Amino acid sequence: MKNSHFWRKTKSALASAASFVCALLVIAPLALVFLHLLRSGASAVNWSFFTELPKPVGVAGGGMVNAIAGSFELLGLAALVGVPVGVFGGVYLAEYGTVRGNWLLRFVADVLNGVPSIIWGVVVYGLVVLRFKSFSAYAGGLALGFIMIPLIMRTTEEVLLLVPAGYREASLALGISRWKTIVHIVMKTALKGIVTAILLALARVAGETAPLLFTAFGNRFWNHDLSEPIAALPLQIFSYAISPYDDWHRQAWAGALVLVVTIFFVNILVRFLTRERVARVL
């Protein structure tokens, strides 16, 4: 009996140690990347980086304020495209539709989630850029919005399905129409989960470069017209990283650091929004 108890404790300790080692192996690459970004780019993160435009080619200094502002503009345009379609698509999957039709929509959404982002850039390039003969912020926002749609749709569906059926039944029993029940009861109950899905999708597309190369193209100055090329932080990082200038290399590392930290804080915000739901489940 004692040998059996000792063997169970030994196996438990070995399993715990293996799990801990695996967790370290998962965290280590992220930590190494972050430390390398700090070492290479922290020296270039200063007030000028956030307030000045890029300097002319070969001139040291300058910043990426236009690229930072451009990224927020592109994310705003992407949200205008991806959020309504994704949220209402998730509502349809959770509350309406047939079993066969919903299965097909879920399958298509899951396939689209796995499509490389550059494909979306090529598609929007053919549909928008070639037709209007110009790169633009609209095209960039559209490409990022297409990437967001399947992620928001599937996540919204999942959080709506977590709302107890009793809420719907009680509302319908009181004579409230179905669409009002969905909007005022179901969606309001799952609001934090829906916001979480939107934030995760925005974090997902914030670092995309490939689709923007075919759509937004980039710009070294302020953009005053959304129908013209626009700067974005990932595009600026890419442009500086392949340049032959050491100062641009430092700024590319700084831009990557700012981008990673921004996405990190978005994920912290997601955890903050979901903490009550997790605590309730536990």
Protein backbone atom coordinates (compact mmCIF):
# COMPACT_ATOMS: atom_id res chain seq x y z
CA MET A 1 0.00 0.00 0.00
CA LYS A 2 2.81 2.37 0.88
CA ASN A 3 4.61 1.53 -2.36
CA SER A 4 1.46 2.26 -4.36
CA HIS A 5 1.01 5.62 -2.61
CA PHE A 6 4.67 6.51 -3.17
CA TRP A 7 4.42 5.58 -6.86
CA ARG A 8 1.30 7.75 -7.33
CA LYS A 9 3.02 10.72 -5.69
CA THR A 10 6.10 10.16 -7.87
CA LYS A 11 4.03 10.09 -11.07
CA SER A 12 2.15 13.21 -9.96
CA ALA A 13 5.43 15.04 -9.28
CA LEU A 14 6.87 13.97 -12.65
CA ALA A 15 3.72 15.12 -14.47
CA SER A 16 3.80 18.48 -12.65
CA ALA A 17 7.48 18.95 -13.49
CA ALA A 18 6.87 18.08 -17.16
CA SER A 19 3.96 20.56 -17.30
CA PHE A 20 6.11 23.27 -15.73
CA VAL A 21 8.92 22.67 -18.24
CA CYS A 22 6.45 22.80 -21.14
CA ALA A 23 5.03 26.08 -19.81
CA LEU A 24 8.54 27.54 -19.65
CA LEU A 25 9.20 26.41 -23.23
CA VAL A 26 6.06 28.24 -24.33
CA ILE A 27 6.86 31.44 -22.42
CA ALA A 28 10.61 31.52 -23.19
CA PRO A 29 10.34 32.56 -26.90
CA LEU A 30 8.01 35.44 -26.00
CA ALA A 31 10.34 36.57 -23.23
CA LEU A 32 13.38 36.37 -25.53
CA VAL A 33 11.61 38.37 -28.24
CA PHE A 34 10.53 41.04 -25.76
CA LEU A 35 14.01 41.29 -24.22
CA HIS A 36 15.58 41.60 -27.66
CA LEU A 37 13.13 44.35 -28.59
CA LEU A 38 13.95 46.20 -25.37
CA ARG A 39 17.68 45.93 -25.97
CA SER A 40 17.49 46.96 -29.64
CA GLY A 41 14.68 49.51 -29.65
CA ALA A 42 14.30 51.06 -26.20
CA SER A 43 17.00 53.67 -26.90
CA ALA A 44 15.01 55.00 -29.90
CA VAL A 45 11.71 55.30 -28.00
CA ASN A 46 11.61 58.96 -27.03
CA TRP A 47 9.40 62.02 -27.33
CA SER A 48 10.50 62.66 -30.92
CA PHE A 49 9.49 59.13 -31.91
CA PHE A 50 5.87 59.85 -30.92
CA THR A 51 5.67 63.48 -32.15
CA GLU A 52 7.78 63.87 -35.32
CA LEU A 53 7.45 62.76 -38.90
CA PRO A 54 10.14 60.59 -40.53
CA LYS A 55 13.24 62.48 -41.58
CA PRO A 56 14.45 62.50 -45.21
CA VAL A 57 16.47 59.55 -46.41
CA GLY A 58 19.91 59.47 -44.79
CA VAL A 59 19.06 62.02 -42.06
CA ALA A 60 19.14 60.72 -38.49
CA GLY A 61 16.27 61.30 -36.06
CA GLY A 62 12.60 61.79 -36.68
CA GLY A 63 9.74 59.63 -35.55
CA MET A 64 6.70 57.63 -36.59
CA VAL A 65 3.81 59.78 -35.45
CA ASN A 66 2.15 59.56 -38.88
CA ALA A 67 2.45 55.77 -38.87
CA ILE A 68 0.99 55.49 -35.35
CA ALA A 69 -1.94 57.74 -36.28
CA GLY A 70 -2.36 55.87 -39.57
CA SER A 71 -2.56 52.54 -37.75
CA PHE A 72 -5.38 53.84 -35.57
CA GLU A 73 -7.19 55.17 -38.64
CA LEU A 74 -6.88 51.82 -40.39
CA LEU A 75 -8.10 49.98 -37.30
CA GLY A 76 -11.07 52.33 -37.10
CA LEU A 77 -11.97 51.66 -40.73
CA ALA A 78 -11.47 47.93 -40.21
CA ALA A 79 -13.80 48.03 -37.19
CA LEU A 80 -16.49 49.75 -39.27
CA VAL A 81 -16.35 46.81 -41.69
CA GLY A 82 -15.58 43.86 -39.43
CA VAL A 83 -17.54 44.59 -36.25
CA PRO A 84 -21.12 44.92 -37.62
CA VAL A 85 -20.77 42.00 -40.04
CA GLY A 86 -19.00 39.80 -37.50
CA VAL A 87 -21.36 40.54 -34.59
CA PHE A 88 -24.59 40.18 -36.59
CA GLY A 89 -23.19 37.08 -38.28
CA GLY A 90 -22.56 35.59 -34.85
CA VAL A 91 -26.09 36.54 -33.76
CA TYR A 92 -27.50 34.78 -36.82
CA LEU A 93 -25.52 31.61 -36.11
CA ALA A 94 -26.56 31.56 -32.44
CA GLU A 95 -30.20 32.63 -32.71
CA TYR A 96 -31.42 31.94 -36.25
CA GLY A 97 -30.62 29.73 -39.20
CA THR A 98 -30.92 26.02 -39.82
CA VAL A 99 -28.64 23.25 -38.62
CA ARG A 100 -27.27 22.57 -42.11
CA GLY A 101 -26.95 26.24 -43.02
CA ASN A 102 -25.21 27.10 -39.77
CA TRP A 103 -22.81 24.16 -40.20
CA LEU A 104 -21.87 25.49 -43.63
CA LEU A 105 -21.39 29.04 -42.33
CA ARG A 106 -19.22 27.82 -39.44
CA PHE A 107 -17.13 25.76 -41.83
CA VAL A 108 -16.61 28.72 -44.16
CA ALA A 109 -15.72 31.01 -41.23
CA ASP A 110 -13.21 28.50 -39.89
CA VAL A 111 -11.61 28.20 -43.34
CA LEU A 112 -11.43 31.98 -43.70
CA ASN A 113 -9.78 32.20 -40.27
CA GLY A 114 -6.94 30.12 -41.68
CA VAL A 115 -6.51 32.07 -44.93
CA PRO A 116 -3.10 33.86 -45.01
CA SER A 117 -3.52 37.60 -44.57
CA ILE A 118 -1.63 38.34 -47.79
CA ILE A 119 -4.46 36.66 -49.72
CA TRP A 120 -6.90 39.22 -48.34
CA GLY A 121 -4.52 41.95 -49.47
CA VAL A 122 -4.38 40.54 -53.00
CA VAL A 123 -8.19 40.20 -53.11
CA VAL A 124 -8.77 43.81 -52.03
CA TYR A 125 -6.00 44.92 -54.41
CA GLY A 126 -7.92 43.36 -57.29
CA LEU A 127 -11.34 44.57 -56.16
CA VAL A 128 -10.53 48.10 -54.99
CA VAL A 129 -7.00 49.29 -55.79
CA LEU A 130 -7.01 48.27 -59.47
CA ARG A 131 -10.56 49.50 -60.00
CA PHE A 132 -9.92 52.96 -58.52
CA LYS A 133 -6.28 53.00 -59.68
CA SER A 134 -4.99 54.13 -56.29
CA PHE A 135 -3.76 52.72 -53.01
CA SER A 136 -5.81 54.09 -50.13
CA ALA A 137 -6.69 53.93 -46.47
CA TYR A 138 -10.12 52.63 -47.48
CA ALA A 139 -8.55 49.62 -49.19
CA GLY A 140 -6.29 48.93 -46.20
CA GLY A 141 -9.18 49.16 -43.74
CA LEU A 142 -11.30 46.89 -45.93
CA ALA A 143 -8.58 44.22 -46.05
CA LEU A 144 -8.13 44.30 -42.26
CA GLY A 145 -11.91 44.28 -41.79
CA PHE A 146 -12.24 41.11 -43.88
CA ILE A 147 -9.67 39.43 -41.63
CA MET A 148 -11.65 40.42 -38.53
CA ILE A 149 -15.05 39.15 -39.67
CA PRO A 150 -14.69 35.37 -39.20
CA LEU A 151 -12.91 35.73 -35.85
CA ILE A 152 -15.55 38.08 -34.42
CA MET A 153 -18.39 36.00 -35.86
CA ARG A 154 -17.28 32.69 -34.35
CA THR A 155 -16.40 34.21 -30.98
CA THR A 156 -19.69 36.13 -30.80
CA GLU A 157 -21.60 32.95 -31.55
CA GLU A 158 -19.83 31.11 -28.74
CA VAL A 159 -20.50 33.79 -26.10
CA LEU A 160 -24.17 34.09 -27.13
CA LEU A 161 -24.63 30.33 -26.80
CA LEU A 162 -23.34 30.60 -23.22
CA VAL A 163 -26.34 32.78 -22.27
CA PRO A 164 -28.83 30.47 -20.47
CA ALA A 165 -31.88 29.53 -22.55
CA GLY A 166 -34.05 30.44 -19.54
CA TYR A 167 -33.35 34.13 -20.18
CA ARG A 168 -34.83 33.86 -23.66
CA GLU A 169 -37.80 31.80 -22.51
CA ALA A 170 -38.65 34.19 -19.68
CA SER A 171 -38.52 37.18 -21.99
CA LEU A 172 -40.64 35.52 -24.66
CA ALA A 173 -43.13 34.39 -22.01
CA LEU A 174 -43.65 38.04 -21.03
CA GLY A 175 -44.65 38.83 -24.61
CA ILE A 176 -41.42 40.55 -25.67
CA SER A 177 -40.67 40.05 -29.35
CA ARG A 178 -37.79 37.82 -30.39
CA TRP A 179 -35.57 40.56 -31.82
CA LYS A 180 -36.00 42.69 -28.67
CA THR A 181 -35.17 39.65 -26.55
CA ILE A 182 -31.96 39.12 -28.51
CA VAL A 183 -30.91 42.78 -28.45
CA HIS A 184 -31.90 43.76 -24.91
CA ILE A 185 -31.48 40.47 -23.04
CA VAL A 186 -29.15 38.08 -24.84
CA MET A 187 -26.68 40.55 -26.36
CA LYS A 188 -26.62 42.72 -23.24
CA THR A 189 -25.84 39.68 -21.10
CA ALA A 190 -23.03 38.65 -23.46
CA LEU A 191 -21.78 42.20 -24.04
CA LYS A 192 -18.41 41.72 -22.33
CA GLY A 193 -17.75 38.62 -24.38
CA ILE A 194 -18.60 40.44 -27.60
CA VAL A 195 -16.32 43.36 -26.68
CA THR A 196 -13.60 40.82 -25.91
CA ALA A 197 -14.02 39.30 -29.38
CA ILE A 198 -13.72 42.74 -30.99
CA LEU A 199 -10.59 43.63 -29.01
CA LEU A 200 -8.95 40.31 -29.85
CA ALA A 201 -9.71 40.80 -33.53
CA LEU A 202 -8.25 44.34 -33.45
CA ALA A 203 -5.12 43.01 -31.74
CA ARG A 204 -4.94 40.29 -34.39
CA VAL A 205 -4.90 42.72 -37.32
CA ALA A 206 -2.91 45.53 -35.65
CA GLY A 207 0.41 43.95 -36.63
CA GLU A 208 -0.52 42.87 -40.16
CA THR A 209 1.89 44.05 -42.85
CA ALA A 210 1.33 41.90 -45.94
CA PRO A 211 -2.25 43.01 -46.76
CA LEU A 212 -1.29 46.67 -46.27
CA LEU A 213 1.54 46.39 -48.80
CA PHE A 214 -1.11 45.74 -51.47
CA THR A 215 -3.69 48.23 -50.22
CA ALA A 216 -2.51 51.12 -47.99
CA PHE A 217 1.03 51.06 -49.47
CA GLY A 218 2.50 53.54 -46.95
CA ASN A 219 3.21 57.25 -46.79
CA ARG A 220 6.03 59.27 -45.21
CA PHE A 221 3.80 62.27 -44.54
CA TRP A 222 0.45 63.02 -42.94
CA ASN A 223 -2.55 61.57 -44.72
CA HIS A 224 -5.27 64.17 -45.32
CA ASP A 225 -7.46 62.06 -47.60
CA LEU A 226 -8.53 58.49 -46.89
CA SER A 227 -8.62 57.80 -50.62
CA GLU A 228 -4.82 58.20 -50.77
CA PRO A 229 -1.96 55.98 -49.47
CA ILE A 230 -1.56 56.04 -45.70
CA ALA A 231 1.26 55.17 -43.30
CA ALA A 232 0.93 52.38 -40.76
CA LEU A 233 3.25 51.20 -38.01
CA PRO A 234 3.82 47.70 -39.48
CA LEU A 235 4.53 49.19 -42.91
CA GLN A 236 6.98 51.71 -41.46
CA ILE A 237 8.74 48.97 -39.49
CA PHE A 238 9.08 46.87 -42.65
CA SER A 239 10.35 49.80 -44.68
CA TYR A 240 12.94 50.78 -42.07
CA ALA A 241 14.03 47.18 -41.41
CA ILE A 242 15.05 46.58 -45.05
CA SER A 243 16.84 49.94 -45.34
CA PRO A 244 20.67 50.27 -45.21
CA TYR A 245 20.63 52.93 -42.45
CA ASP A 246 21.48 52.05 -38.84
CA ASP A 247 19.28 54.82 -37.41
CA TRP A 248 16.29 53.47 -39.33
CA HIS A 249 17.07 50.00 -38.02
CA ARG A 250 16.91 51.34 -34.44
CA GLN A 251 13.60 53.04 -35.18
CA ALA A 252 12.26 49.82 -36.71
CA TRP A 253 13.08 48.01 -33.46
CA ALA A 254 11.44 50.85 -31.51
CA GLY A 255 8.31 50.60 -33.66
CA ALA A 256 8.19 46.84 -33.10
CA LEU A 257 8.51 47.39 -29.35
CA VAL A 258 5.66 49.92 -29.33
CA LEU A 259 3.49 47.56 -31.38
CA VAL A 260 4.15 44.59 -29.09
CA VAL A 261 3.50 46.64 -25.95
CA THR A 262 0.24 47.97 -27.43
CA ILE A 263 -0.99 44.46 -28.24
CA PHE A 264 0.10 43.33 -24.77
CA PHE A 265 -2.05 45.99 -23.10
CA VAL A 266 -5.00 45.12 -25.35
CA ASN A 267 -4.75 41.54 -24.10
CA ILE A 268 -4.54 42.81 -20.51
CA LEU A 269 -7.74 44.76 -21.17
CA VAL A 270 -9.37 41.59 -22.49
CA ARG A 271 -8.42 39.75 -19.30
CA PHE A 272 -9.82 42.63 -17.25
CA LEU A 273 -13.15 42.49 -19.09
CA THR A 274 -13.47 38.72 -18.72
CA ARG A 275 -12.32 38.39 -15.10
CA GLU A 276 -15.86 38.48 -13.65
CA ARG A 277 -17.09 35.82 -16.03
CA VAL A 278 -14.14 33.57 -15.20
CA ALA A 279 -14.60 34.11 -11.46
CA ARG A 280 -18.29 33.23 -11.76
CA VAL A 281 -17.48 29.98 -13.57
CA LEU A 282 -14.87 29.06 -10.92
